[in-house]
Amino acid sequence: QVQLVESGGGLVQAGGSLRLSCAASGSIFSINAVGWYRQAPGKQRELVAGITGDGRTNYADSVKGRFTISRDNAKKTVYLQMNSLKPEDTAVYYCYADLFTLATKGWVGYWGQGTQVTVSS
């Protein structure tokens, strides 16, 4: 079964750091673009950072200079390094990936289950 599993969330004080991981498992031939999204209570889900299959990155203005997205294709894992965290970064963080799988023999988008990040002031 193909799935994305996020980890690394938790409670941190303002100014602190966390590193989120998004690991893909199952019969996956290839991983294309991956994005980290977040959703705070009462707000819409928003794109935080994205990385293409060839490593190009983009960031939401609110996290530029503080967050870094990276990928390890051998481990089928994408990371989100979050530094200088602020209370407004508090949200559930989700990863989304375009995966080419054995089952579909085509590109399909998958969501992870999310990981909670809470930043205290």
PDB file of N, CA and C in Angstrom:
ATOM      1  N   GLN A   1       0.855  -1.196   0.000  1.00  0.00           N
ATOM      2  CA  GLN A   1       0.000   0.000   0.000  1.00  0.00           C
ATOM      3  C   GLN A   1       0.885   1.238   0.000  1.00  0.00           C
ATOM      4  N   VAL A   2       0.606   2.142  -0.902  1.00  0.00           N
ATOM      5  CA  VAL A   2       1.374   3.372  -1.003  1.00  0.00           C
ATOM      6  C   VAL A   2       0.873   4.358   0.039  1.00  0.00           C
ATOM      7  N   GLN A   3       1.798   4.949   0.739  1.00  0.00           N
ATOM      8  CA  GLN A   3       1.394   5.981   1.697  1.00  0.00           C
ATOM      9  C   GLN A   3       2.530   6.959   1.935  1.00  0.00           C
ATOM     10  N   LEU A   4       2.137   8.139   2.418  1.00  0.00           N
ATOM     11  CA  LEU A   4       3.071   9.161   2.860  1.00  0.00           C
ATOM     12  C   LEU A   4       2.903   9.312   4.359  1.00  0.00           C
ATOM     13  N   VAL A   5       3.999   9.328   5.066  1.00  0.00           N
ATOM     14  CA  VAL A   5       3.941   9.430   6.515  1.00  0.00           C
ATOM     15  C   VAL A   5       4.792  10.610   6.957  1.00  0.00           C
ATOM     16  N   GLU A   6       4.144  11.569   7.622  1.00  0.00           N
ATOM     17  CA  GLU A   6       4.870  12.711   8.158  1.00  0.00           C
ATOM     18  C   GLU A   6       5.290  12.431   9.588  1.00  0.00           C
ATOM     19  N   SER A   7       6.383  13.042   9.977  1.00  0.00           N
ATOM     20  CA  SER A   7       6.847  12.950  11.361  1.00  0.00           C
ATOM     21  C   SER A   7       7.671  14.187  11.676  1.00  0.00           C
ATOM     22  N   GLY A   8       7.935  14.371  12.954  1.00  0.00           N
ATOM     23  CA  GLY A   8       8.803  15.464  13.371  1.00  0.00           C
ATOM     24  C   GLY A   8       8.091  16.646  13.985  1.00  0.00           C
ATOM     25  N   GLY A   9       6.766  16.615  14.005  1.00  0.00           N
ATOM     26  CA  GLY A   9       6.048  17.712  14.624  1.00  0.00           C
ATOM     27  C   GLY A   9       6.176  17.686  16.133  1.00  0.00           C
ATOM     28  N   GLY A  10       5.679  18.722  16.758  1.00  0.00           N
ATOM     29  CA  GLY A  10       5.736  18.787  18.218  1.00  0.00           C
ATOM     30  C   GLY A  10       5.501  20.186  18.720  1.00  0.00           C
ATOM     31  N   LEU A  11       5.815  20.366  19.989  1.00  0.00           N
ATOM     32  CA  LEU A  11       5.667  21.656  20.661  1.00  0.00           C
ATOM     33  C   LEU A  11       7.046  22.295  20.799  1.00  0.00           C
ATOM     34  N   VAL A  12       7.150  23.537  20.403  1.00  0.00           N
ATOM     35  CA  VAL A  12       8.422  24.244  20.477  1.00  0.00           C
ATOM     36  C   VAL A  12       8.160  25.692  20.848  1.00  0.00           C
ATOM     37  N   GLN A  13       9.117  26.308  21.507  1.00  0.00           N
ATOM     38  CA  GLN A  13       8.977  27.722  21.843  1.00  0.00           C
ATOM     39  C   GLN A  13       9.291  28.591  20.630  1.00  0.00           C
ATOM     40  N   ALA A  14       8.747  29.779  20.634  1.00  0.00           N
ATOM     41  CA  ALA A  14       9.034  30.731  19.564  1.00  0.00           C
ATOM     42  C   ALA A  14      10.547  30.933  19.443  1.00  0.00           C
ATOM     43  N   GLY A  15      11.006  30.958  18.196  1.00  0.00           N
ATOM     44  CA  GLY A  15      12.435  31.063  17.943  1.00  0.00           C
ATOM     45  C   GLY A  15      13.127  29.728  17.773  1.00  0.00           C
ATOM     46  N   GLY A  16      12.433  28.663  18.106  1.00  0.00           N
ATOM     47  CA  GLY A  16      13.016  27.333  18.017  1.00  0.00           C
ATOM     48  C   GLY A  16      12.917  26.752  16.619  1.00  0.00           C
ATOM     49  N   SER A  17      13.339  25.488  16.512  1.00  0.00           N
ATOM     50  CA  SER A  17      13.397  24.811  15.220  1.00  0.00           C
ATOM     51  C   SER A  17      12.773  23.423  15.308  1.00  0.00           C
ATOM     52  N   LEU A  18      12.270  22.983  14.184  1.00  0.00           N
ATOM     53  CA  LEU A  18      11.807  21.612  14.019  1.00  0.00           C
ATOM     54  C   LEU A  18      12.154  21.169  12.606  1.00  0.00           C
ATOM     55  N   ARG A  19      12.323  19.863  12.432  1.00  0.00           N
ATOM     56  CA  ARG A  19      12.491  19.320  11.098  1.00  0.00           C
ATOM     57  C   ARG A  19      11.425  18.260  10.861  1.00  0.00           C
ATOM     58  N   LEU A  20      10.599  18.518   9.870  1.00  0.00           N
ATOM     59  CA  LEU A  20       9.567  17.568   9.492  1.00  0.00           C
ATOM     60  C   LEU A  20      10.085  16.645   8.401  1.00  0.00           C
ATOM     61  N   SER A  21       9.610  15.411   8.432  1.00  0.00           N
ATOM     62  CA  SER A  21       9.949  14.446   7.402  1.00  0.00           C
ATOM     63  C   SER A  21       8.681  13.914   6.769  1.00  0.00           C
ATOM     64  N   CYS A  22       8.754  13.628   5.489  1.00  0.00           N
ATOM     65  CA  CYS A  22       7.644  13.019   4.761  1.00  0.00           C
ATOM     66  C   CYS A  22       8.237  11.836   4.007  1.00  0.00           C
ATOM     67  N   ALA A  23       7.921  10.644   4.465  1.00  0.00           N
ATOM     68  CA  ALA A  23       8.494   9.435   3.888  1.00  0.00           C
ATOM     69  C   ALA A  23       7.449   8.699   3.067  1.00  0.00           C
ATOM     70  N   ALA A  24       7.815   8.361   1.853  1.00  0.00           N
ATOM     71  CA  ALA A  24       6.929   7.598   0.981  1.00  0.00           C
ATOM     72  C   ALA A  24       7.272   6.120   1.069  1.00  0.00           C
ATOM     73  N   SER A  25       6.249   5.281   1.121  1.00  0.00           N
ATOM     74  CA  SER A  25       6.483   3.838   1.186  1.00  0.00           C
ATOM     75  C   SER A  25       5.510   3.110   0.269  1.00  0.00           C
ATOM     76  N   GLY A  26       5.860   1.882  -0.061  1.00  0.00           N
ATOM     77  CA  GLY A  26       5.034   1.099  -0.964  1.00  0.00           C
ATOM     78  C   GLY A  26       5.720   0.945  -2.309  1.00  0.00           C
ATOM     79  N   SER A  27       4.982   0.439  -3.267  1.00  0.00           N
ATOM     80  CA  SER A  27       5.520   0.171  -4.592  1.00  0.00           C
ATOM     81  C   SER A  27       5.523   1.444  -5.432  1.00  0.00           C
ATOM     82  N   ILE A  28       6.568   2.233  -5.223  1.00  0.00           N
ATOM     83  CA  ILE A  28       6.676   3.540  -5.876  1.00  0.00           C
ATOM     84  C   ILE A  28       7.837   3.511  -6.853  1.00  0.00           C
ATOM     85  N   PHE A  29       7.552   3.852  -8.086  1.00  0.00           N
ATOM     86  CA  PHE A  29       8.621   3.920  -9.075  1.00  0.00           C
ATOM     87  C   PHE A  29       9.358   5.249  -9.004  1.00  0.00           C
ATOM     88  N   SER A  30       8.596   6.322  -8.794  1.00  0.00           N
ATOM     89  CA  SER A  30       9.214   7.641  -8.836  1.00  0.00           C
ATOM     90  C   SER A  30       8.374   8.644  -8.072  1.00  0.00           C
ATOM     91  N   ILE A  31       9.052   9.685  -7.576  1.00  0.00           N
ATOM     92  CA  ILE A  31       8.396  10.784  -6.873  1.00  0.00           C
ATOM     93  C   ILE A  31       8.685  12.055  -7.625  1.00  0.00           C
ATOM     94  N   ASN A  32       7.654  12.768  -7.995  1.00  0.00           N
ATOM     95  CA  ASN A  32       7.849  14.012  -8.731  1.00  0.00           C
ATOM     96  C   ASN A  32       7.806  15.177  -7.742  1.00  0.00           C
ATOM     97  N   ALA A  33       6.928  16.104  -7.951  1.00  0.00           N
ATOM     98  CA  ALA A  33       6.864  17.264  -7.067  1.00  0.00           C
ATOM     99  C   ALA A  33       6.283  16.885  -5.711  1.00  0.00           C
ATOM    100  N   VAL A  34       6.794  17.543  -4.680  1.00  0.00           N
ATOM    101  CA  VAL A  34       6.305  17.353  -3.317  1.00  0.00           C
ATOM    102  C   VAL A  34       6.077  18.727  -2.710  1.00  0.00           C
ATOM    103  N   GLY A  35       4.993  18.837  -1.972  1.00  0.00           N
ATOM    104  CA  GLY A  35       4.705  20.098  -1.305  1.00  0.00           C
ATOM    105  C   GLY A  35       4.396  19.883   0.155  1.00  0.00           C
ATOM    106  N   TRP A  36       4.796  20.849   0.961  1.00  0.00           N
ATOM    107  CA  TRP A  36       4.371  20.888   2.361  1.00  0.00           C
ATOM    108  C   TRP A  36       3.277  21.940   2.471  1.00  0.00           C
ATOM    109  N   TYR A  37       2.181  21.551   3.056  1.00  0.00           N
ATOM    110  CA  TYR A  37       1.045  22.430   3.283  1.00  0.00           C
ATOM    111  C   TYR A  37       0.789  22.505   4.786  1.00  0.00           C
ATOM    112  N   ARG A  38       0.037  23.525   5.186  1.00  0.00           N
ATOM    113  CA  ARG A  38      -0.369  23.594   6.580  1.00  0.00           C
ATOM    114  C   ARG A  38      -1.783  24.142   6.671  1.00  0.00           C
ATOM    115  N   GLN A  39      -2.429  23.744   7.752  1.00  0.00           N
ATOM    116  CA  GLN A  39      -3.788  24.214   7.996  1.00  0.00           C
ATOM    117  C   GLN A  39      -3.941  24.530   9.472  1.00  0.00           C
ATOM    118  N   ALA A  40      -4.205  25.780   9.734  1.00  0.00           N
ATOM    119  CA  ALA A  40      -4.454  26.221  11.097  1.00  0.00           C
ATOM    120  C   ALA A  40      -5.958  26.173  11.358  1.00  0.00           C
ATOM    121  N   PRO A  41      -6.367  26.095  12.616  1.00  0.00           N
ATOM    122  CA  PRO A  41      -7.800  26.035  12.930  1.00  0.00           C
ATOM    123  C   PRO A  41      -8.553  27.213  12.326  1.00  0.00           C
ATOM    124  N   GLY A  42      -9.628  26.907  11.631  1.00  0.00           N
ATOM    125  CA  GLY A  42     -10.454  27.948  11.057  1.00  0.00           C
ATOM    126  C   GLY A  42      -9.914  28.569   9.787  1.00  0.00           C
ATOM    127  N   LYS A  43      -8.793  28.052   9.298  1.00  0.00           N
ATOM    128  CA  LYS A  43      -8.188  28.622   8.094  1.00  0.00           C
ATOM    129  C   LYS A  43      -8.100  27.578   6.995  1.00  0.00           C
ATOM    130  N   GLN A  44      -7.928  28.054   5.777  1.00  0.00           N
ATOM    131  CA  GLN A  44      -7.772  27.145   4.652  1.00  0.00           C
ATOM    132  C   GLN A  44      -6.363  26.567   4.635  1.00  0.00           C
ATOM    133  N   ARG A  45      -6.261  25.387   4.037  1.00  0.00           N
ATOM    134  CA  ARG A  45      -4.946  24.782   3.866  1.00  0.00           C
ATOM    135  C   ARG A  45      -4.153  25.634   2.875  1.00  0.00           C
ATOM    136  N   GLU A  46      -2.872  25.868   3.196  1.00  0.00           N
ATOM    137  CA  GLU A  46      -2.041  26.699   2.336  1.00  0.00           C
ATOM    138  C   GLU A  46      -0.722  26.013   2.044  1.00  0.00           C
ATOM    139  N   LEU A  47      -0.181  26.317   0.874  1.00  0.00           N
ATOM    140  CA  LEU A  47       1.129  25.782   0.495  1.00  0.00           C
ATOM    141  C   LEU A  47       2.211  26.549   1.244  1.00  0.00           C
ATOM    142  N   VAL A  48       3.096  25.810   1.873  1.00  0.00           N
ATOM    143  CA  VAL A  48       4.201  26.417   2.613  1.00  0.00           C
ATOM    144  C   VAL A  48       5.473  26.386   1.773  1.00  0.00           C
ATOM    145  N   ALA A  49       5.760  25.221   1.191  1.00  0.00           N
ATOM    146  CA  ALA A  49       6.980  25.054   0.407  1.00  0.00           C
ATOM    147  C   ALA A  49       6.787  23.895  -0.557  1.00  0.00           C
ATOM    148  N   GLY A  50       7.454  23.994  -1.702  1.00  0.00           N
ATOM    149  CA  GLY A  50       7.367  22.927  -2.679  1.00  0.00           C
ATOM    150  C   GLY A  50       8.721  22.654  -3.294  1.00  0.00           C
ATOM    151  N   ILE A  51       8.886  21.433  -3.775  1.00  0.00           N
ATOM    152  CA  ILE A  51      10.138  21.067  -4.437  1.00  0.00           C
ATOM    153  C   ILE A  51       9.799  20.176  -5.614  1.00  0.00           C
ATOM    154  N   THR A  52      10.383  20.487  -6.767  1.00  0.00           N
ATOM    155  CA  THR A  52      10.114  19.712  -7.967  1.00  0.00           C
ATOM    156  C   THR A  52      10.998  18.457  -8.003  1.00  0.00           C
ATOM    157  N   GLY A  53      10.747  17.623  -8.996  1.00  0.00           N
ATOM    158  CA  GLY A  53      11.541  16.414  -9.122  1.00  0.00           C
ATOM    159  C   GLY A  53      13.008  16.685  -9.362  1.00  0.00           C
ATOM    160  N   ASP A  54      13.305  17.821  -9.969  1.00  0.00           N
ATOM    161  CA  ASP A  54      14.703  18.163 -10.223  1.00  0.00           C
ATOM    162  C   ASP A  54      15.271  19.138  -9.207  1.00  0.00           C
ATOM    163  N   GLY A  55      14.546  19.333  -8.108  1.00  0.00           N
ATOM    164  CA  GLY A  55      15.104  20.072  -6.979  1.00  0.00           C
ATOM    165  C   GLY A  55      14.827  21.558  -6.916  1.00  0.00           C
ATOM    166  N   ARG A  56      14.030  22.078  -7.825  1.00  0.00           N
ATOM    167  CA  ARG A  56      13.686  23.499  -7.726  1.00  0.00           C
ATOM    168  C   ARG A  56      12.700  23.699  -6.583  1.00  0.00           C
ATOM    169  N   THR A  57      12.863  24.797  -5.873  1.00  0.00           N
ATOM    170  CA  THR A  57      12.049  25.038  -4.688  1.00  0.00           C
ATOM    171  C   THR A  57      11.272  26.332  -4.787  1.00  0.00           C
ATOM    172  N   ASN A  58      10.191  26.414  -4.043  1.00  0.00           N
ATOM    173  CA  ASN A  58       9.442  27.655  -3.905  1.00  0.00           C
ATOM    174  C   ASN A  58       8.859  27.689  -2.504  1.00  0.00           C
ATOM    175  N   TYR A  59       8.645  28.902  -2.002  1.00  0.00           N
ATOM    176  CA  TYR A  59       8.198  29.093  -0.632  1.00  0.00           C
ATOM    177  C   TYR A  59       7.109  30.159  -0.549  1.00  0.00           C
ATOM    178  N   ALA A  60       6.243  29.997   0.421  1.00  0.00           N
ATOM    179  CA  ALA A  60       5.307  31.053   0.747  1.00  0.00           C
ATOM    180  C   ALA A  60       6.095  32.229   1.311  1.00  0.00           C
ATOM    181  N   ASP A  61       5.620  33.434   1.044  1.00  0.00           N
ATOM    182  CA  ASP A  61       6.330  34.621   1.526  1.00  0.00           C
ATOM    183  C   ASP A  61       6.509  34.595   3.039  1.00  0.00           C
ATOM    184  N   SER A  62       5.535  34.047   3.735  1.00  0.00           N
ATOM    185  CA  SER A  62       5.551  34.072   5.198  1.00  0.00           C
ATOM    186  C   SER A  62       6.662  33.204   5.805  1.00  0.00           C
ATOM    187  N   VAL A  63       7.244  32.300   5.006  1.00  0.00           N
ATOM    188  CA  VAL A  63       8.270  31.412   5.554  1.00  0.00           C
ATOM    189  C   VAL A  63       9.622  31.566   4.866  1.00  0.00           C
ATOM    190  N   LYS A  64       9.706  32.417   3.851  1.00  0.00           N
ATOM    191  CA  LYS A  64      10.978  32.602   3.148  1.00  0.00           C
ATOM    192  C   LYS A  64      12.068  33.048   4.107  1.00  0.00           C
ATOM    193  N   GLY A  65      13.215  32.403   3.979  1.00  0.00           N
ATOM    194  CA  GLY A  65      14.330  32.731   4.844  1.00  0.00           C
ATOM    195  C   GLY A  65      14.317  31.991   6.163  1.00  0.00           C
ATOM    196  N   ARG A  66      13.226  31.331   6.487  1.00  0.00           N
ATOM    197  CA  ARG A  66      13.138  30.583   7.749  1.00  0.00           C
ATOM    198  C   ARG A  66      13.000  29.079   7.521  1.00  0.00           C
ATOM    199  N   PHE A  67      12.289  28.694   6.464  1.00  0.00           N
ATOM    200  CA  PHE A  67      12.043  27.282   6.176  1.00  0.00           C
ATOM    201  C   PHE A  67      12.862  26.858   4.962  1.00  0.00           C
ATOM    202  N   THR A  68      13.280  25.599   4.975  1.00  0.00           N
ATOM    203  CA  THR A  68      14.009  25.030   3.848  1.00  0.00           C
ATOM    204  C   THR A  68      13.460  23.643   3.539  1.00  0.00           C
ATOM    205  N   ILE A  69      13.082  23.440   2.288  1.00  0.00           N
ATOM    206  CA  ILE A  69      12.604  22.135   1.852  1.00  0.00           C
ATOM    207  C   ILE A  69      13.730  21.436   1.101  1.00  0.00           C
ATOM    208  N   SER A  70      13.844  20.135   1.321  1.00  0.00           N
ATOM    209  CA  SER A  70      14.877  19.362   0.643  1.00  0.00           C
ATOM    210  C   SER A  70      14.360  17.939   0.446  1.00  0.00           C
ATOM    211  N   ARG A  71      15.082  17.187  -0.382  1.00  0.00           N
ATOM    212  CA  ARG A  71      14.633  15.818  -0.644  1.00  0.00           C
ATOM    213  C   ARG A  71      15.827  14.885  -0.729  1.00  0.00           C
ATOM    214  N   ASP A  72      15.572  13.652  -0.323  1.00  0.00           N
ATOM    215  CA  ASP A  72      16.547  12.572  -0.443  1.00  0.00           C
ATOM    216  C   ASP A  72      15.858  11.490  -1.258  1.00  0.00           C
ATOM    217  N   ASN A  73      16.141  11.448  -2.548  1.00  0.00           N
ATOM    218  CA  ASN A  73      15.425  10.521  -3.428  1.00  0.00           C
ATOM    219  C   ASN A  73      15.715   9.064  -3.079  1.00  0.00           C
ATOM    220  N   ALA A  74      16.915   8.782  -2.633  1.00  0.00           N
ATOM    221  CA  ALA A  74      17.253   7.407  -2.273  1.00  0.00           C
ATOM    222  C   ALA A  74      16.406   6.911  -1.105  1.00  0.00           C
ATOM    223  N   LYS A  75      16.094   7.809  -0.190  1.00  0.00           N
ATOM    224  CA  LYS A  75      15.280   7.452   0.978  1.00  0.00           C
ATOM    225  C   LYS A  75      13.804   7.714   0.737  1.00  0.00           C
ATOM    226  N   LYS A  76      13.466   8.265  -0.429  1.00  0.00           N
ATOM    227  CA  LYS A  76      12.064   8.596  -0.752  1.00  0.00           C
ATOM    228  C   LYS A  76      11.483   9.480   0.353  1.00  0.00           C
ATOM    229  N   THR A  77      12.247  10.455   0.749  1.00  0.00           N
ATOM    230  CA  THR A  77      11.854  11.310   1.863  1.00  0.00           C
ATOM    231  C   THR A  77      12.096  12.772   1.506  1.00  0.00           C
ATOM    232  N   VAL A  78      11.159  13.605   1.923  1.00  0.00           N
ATOM    233  CA  VAL A  78      11.281  15.047   1.768  1.00  0.00           C
ATOM    234  C   VAL A  78      11.249  15.663   3.154  1.00  0.00           C
ATOM    235  N   TYR A  79      12.074  16.677   3.356  1.00  0.00           N
ATOM    236  CA  TYR A  79      12.201  17.314   4.662  1.00  0.00           C
ATOM    237  C   TYR A  79      11.750  18.766   4.593  1.00  0.00           C
ATOM    238  N   LEU A  80      11.320  19.253   5.740  1.00  0.00           N
ATOM    239  CA  LEU A  80      11.056  20.673   5.894  1.00  0.00           C
ATOM    240  C   LEU A  80      11.751  21.128   7.166  1.00  0.00           C
ATOM    241  N   GLN A  81      12.847  21.837   6.998  1.00  0.00           N
ATOM    242  CA  GLN A  81      13.565  22.412   8.132  1.00  0.00           C
ATOM    243  C   GLN A  81      12.935  23.755   8.461  1.00  0.00           C
ATOM    244  N   MET A  82      12.461  23.894   9.671  1.00  0.00           N
ATOM    245  CA  MET A  82      11.767  25.105  10.089  1.00  0.00           C
ATOM    246  C   MET A  82      12.551  25.755  11.210  1.00  0.00           C
ATOM    247  N   ASN A  83      13.050  26.940  10.951  1.00  0.00           N
ATOM    248  CA  ASN A  83      13.818  27.708  11.928  1.00  0.00           C
ATOM    249  C   ASN A  83      13.087  28.985  12.289  1.00  0.00           C
ATOM    250  N   SER A  84      13.495  29.585  13.375  1.00  0.00           N
ATOM    251  CA  SER A  84      12.904  30.856  13.822  1.00  0.00           C
ATOM    252  C   SER A  84      11.383  30.771  13.831  1.00  0.00           C
ATOM    253  N   LEU A  85      10.889  29.726  14.423  1.00  0.00           N
ATOM    254  CA  LEU A  85       9.449  29.493  14.410  1.00  0.00           C
ATOM    255  C   LEU A  85       8.702  30.563  15.191  1.00  0.00           C
ATOM    256  N   LYS A  86       7.514  30.859  14.692  1.00  0.00           N
ATOM    257  CA  LYS A  86       6.652  31.880  15.293  1.00  0.00           C
ATOM    258  C   LYS A  86       5.325  31.227  15.709  1.00  0.00           C
ATOM    259  N   PRO A  87       4.618  31.817  16.655  1.00  0.00           N
ATOM    260  CA  PRO A  87       3.319  31.255  17.042  1.00  0.00           C
ATOM    261  C   PRO A  87       2.370  31.097  15.850  1.00  0.00           C
ATOM    262  N   GLU A  88       2.475  31.998  14.882  1.00  0.00           N
ATOM    263  CA  GLU A  88       1.586  31.912  13.721  1.00  0.00           C
ATOM    264  C   GLU A  88       1.921  30.755  12.792  1.00  0.00           C
ATOM    265  N   ASP A  89       3.019  30.055  13.047  1.00  0.00           N
ATOM    266  CA  ASP A  89       3.341  28.843  12.288  1.00  0.00           C
ATOM    267  C   ASP A  89       2.590  27.629  12.829  1.00  0.00           C
ATOM    268  N   THR A  90       1.895  27.792  13.926  1.00  0.00           N
ATOM    269  CA  THR A  90       1.149  26.695  14.526  1.00  0.00           C
ATOM    270  C   THR A  90       0.068  26.204  13.564  1.00  0.00           C
ATOM    271  N   ALA A  91       0.091  24.916  13.281  1.00  0.00           N
ATOM    272  CA  ALA A  91      -0.849  24.320  12.324  1.00  0.00           C
ATOM    273  C   ALA A  91      -0.587  22.822  12.240  1.00  0.00           C
ATOM    274  N   VAL A  92      -1.475  22.140  11.544  1.00  0.00           N
ATOM    275  CA  VAL A  92      -1.184  20.768  11.133  1.00  0.00           C
ATOM    276  C   VAL A  92      -0.494  20.851   9.775  1.00  0.00           C
ATOM    277  N   TYR A  93       0.643  20.194   9.673  1.00  0.00           N
ATOM    278  CA  TYR A  93       1.428  20.227   8.446  1.00  0.00           C
ATOM    279  C   TYR A  93       1.237  18.913   7.692  1.00  0.00           C
ATOM    280  N   TYR A  94       0.956  19.041   6.406  1.00  0.00           N
ATOM    281  CA  TYR A  94       0.715  17.890   5.546  1.00  0.00           C
ATOM    282  C   TYR A  94       1.703  17.902   4.387  1.00  0.00           C
ATOM    283  N   CYS A  95       2.084  16.736   3.947  1.00  0.00           N
ATOM    284  CA  CYS A  95       2.840  16.676   2.704  1.00  0.00           C
ATOM    285  C   CYS A  95       1.951  16.079   1.617  1.00  0.00           C
ATOM    286  N   TYR A  96       2.234  16.504   0.421  1.00  0.00           N
ATOM    287  CA  TYR A  96       1.513  16.057  -0.762  1.00  0.00           C
ATOM    288  C   TYR A  96       2.554  15.727  -1.818  1.00  0.00           C
ATOM    289  N   ALA A  97       2.397  14.578  -2.461  1.00  0.00           N
ATOM    290  CA  ALA A  97       3.389  14.174  -3.442  1.00  0.00           C
ATOM    291  C   ALA A  97       2.729  13.554  -4.659  1.00  0.00           C
ATOM    292  N   ASP A  98       3.330  13.810  -5.806  1.00  0.00           N
ATOM    293  CA  ASP A  98       2.953  13.141  -7.051  1.00  0.00           C
ATOM    294  C   ASP A  98       3.798  11.876  -7.161  1.00  0.00           C
ATOM    295  N   LEU A  99       3.139  10.728  -7.133  1.00  0.00           N
ATOM    296  CA  LEU A  99       3.844   9.460  -7.120  1.00  0.00           C
ATOM    297  C   LEU A  99       3.474   8.633  -8.338  1.00  0.00           C
ATOM    298  N   PHE A 100       4.492   7.978  -8.904  1.00  0.00           N
ATOM    299  CA  PHE A 100       4.260   7.013  -9.980  1.00  0.00           C
ATOM    300  C   PHE A 100       4.349   5.650  -9.324  1.00  0.00           C
ATOM    301  N   THR A 101       3.223   4.949  -9.289  1.00  0.00           N
ATOM    302  CA  THR A 101       3.184   3.708  -8.519  1.00  0.00           C
ATOM    303  C   THR A 101       2.988   2.496  -9.418  1.00  0.00           C
ATOM    304  N   LEU A 102       3.337   1.336  -8.860  1.00  0.00           N
ATOM    305  CA  LEU A 102       3.141   0.073  -9.562  1.00  0.00           C
ATOM    306  C   LEU A 102       1.665  -0.169  -9.830  1.00  0.00           C
ATOM    307  N   ALA A 103       0.822   0.171  -8.865  1.00  0.00           N
ATOM    308  CA  ALA A 103      -0.612  -0.113  -8.974  1.00  0.00           C
ATOM    309  C   ALA A 103      -1.276   0.708 -10.070  1.00  0.00           C
ATOM    310  N   THR A 104      -0.930   1.966 -10.152  1.00  0.00           N
ATOM    311  CA  THR A 104      -1.618   2.858 -11.091  1.00  0.00           C
ATOM    312  C   THR A 104      -0.904   2.960 -12.438  1.00  0.00           C
ATOM    313  N   LYS A 105       0.394   2.696 -12.433  1.00  0.00           N
ATOM    314  CA  LYS A 105       1.226   2.870 -13.631  1.00  0.00           C
ATOM    315  C   LYS A 105       0.995   4.254 -14.221  1.00  0.00           C
ATOM    316  N   GLY A 106       0.861   5.210 -13.320  1.00  0.00           N
ATOM    317  CA  GLY A 106       0.676   6.590 -13.714  1.00  0.00           C
ATOM    318  C   GLY A 106       0.914   7.487 -12.510  1.00  0.00           C
ATOM    319  N   TRP A 107       0.870   8.791 -12.735  1.00  0.00           N
ATOM    320  CA  TRP A 107       1.103   9.756 -11.661  1.00  0.00           C
ATOM    321  C   TRP A 107      -0.200  10.004 -10.900  1.00  0.00           C
ATOM    322  N   VAL A 108      -0.127   9.878  -9.590  1.00  0.00           N
ATOM    323  CA  VAL A 108      -1.280  10.102  -8.711  1.00  0.00           C
ATOM    324  C   VAL A 108      -0.816  10.916  -7.516  1.00  0.00           C
ATOM    325  N   GLY A 109      -1.653  11.832  -7.086  1.00  0.00           N
ATOM    326  CA  GLY A 109      -1.325  12.642  -5.920  1.00  0.00           C
ATOM    327  C   GLY A 109      -1.762  11.974  -4.627  1.00  0.00           C
ATOM    328  N   TYR A 110      -0.889  12.040  -3.621  1.00  0.00           N
ATOM    329  CA  TYR A 110      -1.186  11.454  -2.315  1.00  0.00           C
ATOM    330  C   TYR A 110      -0.963  12.500  -1.227  1.00  0.00           C
ATOM    331  N   TRP A 111      -1.780  12.416  -0.200  1.00  0.00           N
ATOM    332  CA  TRP A 111      -1.627  13.244   0.996  1.00  0.00           C
ATOM    333  C   TRP A 111      -1.179  12.370   2.159  1.00  0.00           C
ATOM    334  N   GLY A 112      -0.367  12.957   3.010  1.00  0.00           N
ATOM    335  CA  GLY A 112      -0.056  12.317   4.269  1.00  0.00           C
ATOM    336  C   GLY A 112      -1.141  12.614   5.283  1.00  0.00           C
ATOM    337  N   GLN A 113      -0.995  12.053   6.481  1.00  0.00           N
ATOM    338  CA  GLN A 113      -2.026  12.191   7.507  1.00  0.00           C
ATOM    339  C   GLN A 113      -1.872  13.462   8.326  1.00  0.00           C
ATOM    340  N   GLY A 114      -0.740  14.105   8.205  1.00  0.00           N
ATOM    341  CA  GLY A 114      -0.510  15.360   8.911  1.00  0.00           C
ATOM    342  C   GLY A 114       0.245  15.172  10.210  1.00  0.00           C
ATOM    343  N   THR A 115       0.958  16.219  10.591  1.00  0.00           N
ATOM    344  CA  THR A 115       1.664  16.242  11.869  1.00  0.00           C
ATOM    345  C   THR A 115       1.472  17.628  12.498  1.00  0.00           C
ATOM    346  N   GLN A 116       1.186  17.641  13.786  1.00  0.00           N
ATOM    347  CA  GLN A 116       0.876  18.896  14.473  1.00  0.00           C
ATOM    348  C   GLN A 116       2.165  19.630  14.854  1.00  0.00           C
ATOM    349  N   VAL A 117       2.196  20.900  14.537  1.00  0.00           N
ATOM    350  CA  VAL A 117       3.277  21.790  14.976  1.00  0.00           C
ATOM    351  C   VAL A 117       2.639  22.894  15.819  1.00  0.00           C
ATOM    352  N   THR A 118       3.118  23.012  17.036  1.00  0.00           N
ATOM    353  CA  THR A 118       2.613  24.042  17.939  1.00  0.00           C
ATOM    354  C   THR A 118       3.777  24.889  18.425  1.00  0.00           C
ATOM    355  N   VAL A 119       3.675  26.190  18.214  1.00  0.00           N
ATOM    356  CA  VAL A 119       4.737  27.113  18.613  1.00  0.00           C
ATOM    357  C   VAL A 119       4.183  28.004  19.721  1.00  0.00           C
ATOM    358  N   SER A 120       4.786  27.931  20.879  1.00  0.00           N
ATOM    359  CA  SER A 120       4.321  28.723  22.017  1.00  0.00           C
ATOM    360  C   SER A 120       5.082  30.051  22.077  1.00  0.00           C
ATOM    361  N   SER A 121       4.394  31.055  22.570  1.00  0.00           N
ATOM    362  CA  SER A 121       5.015  32.394  22.633  1.00  0.00           C
ATOM    363  C   SER A 121       5.746  32.601  23.936  1.00  0.00           C
TER     364      SER A 121
END
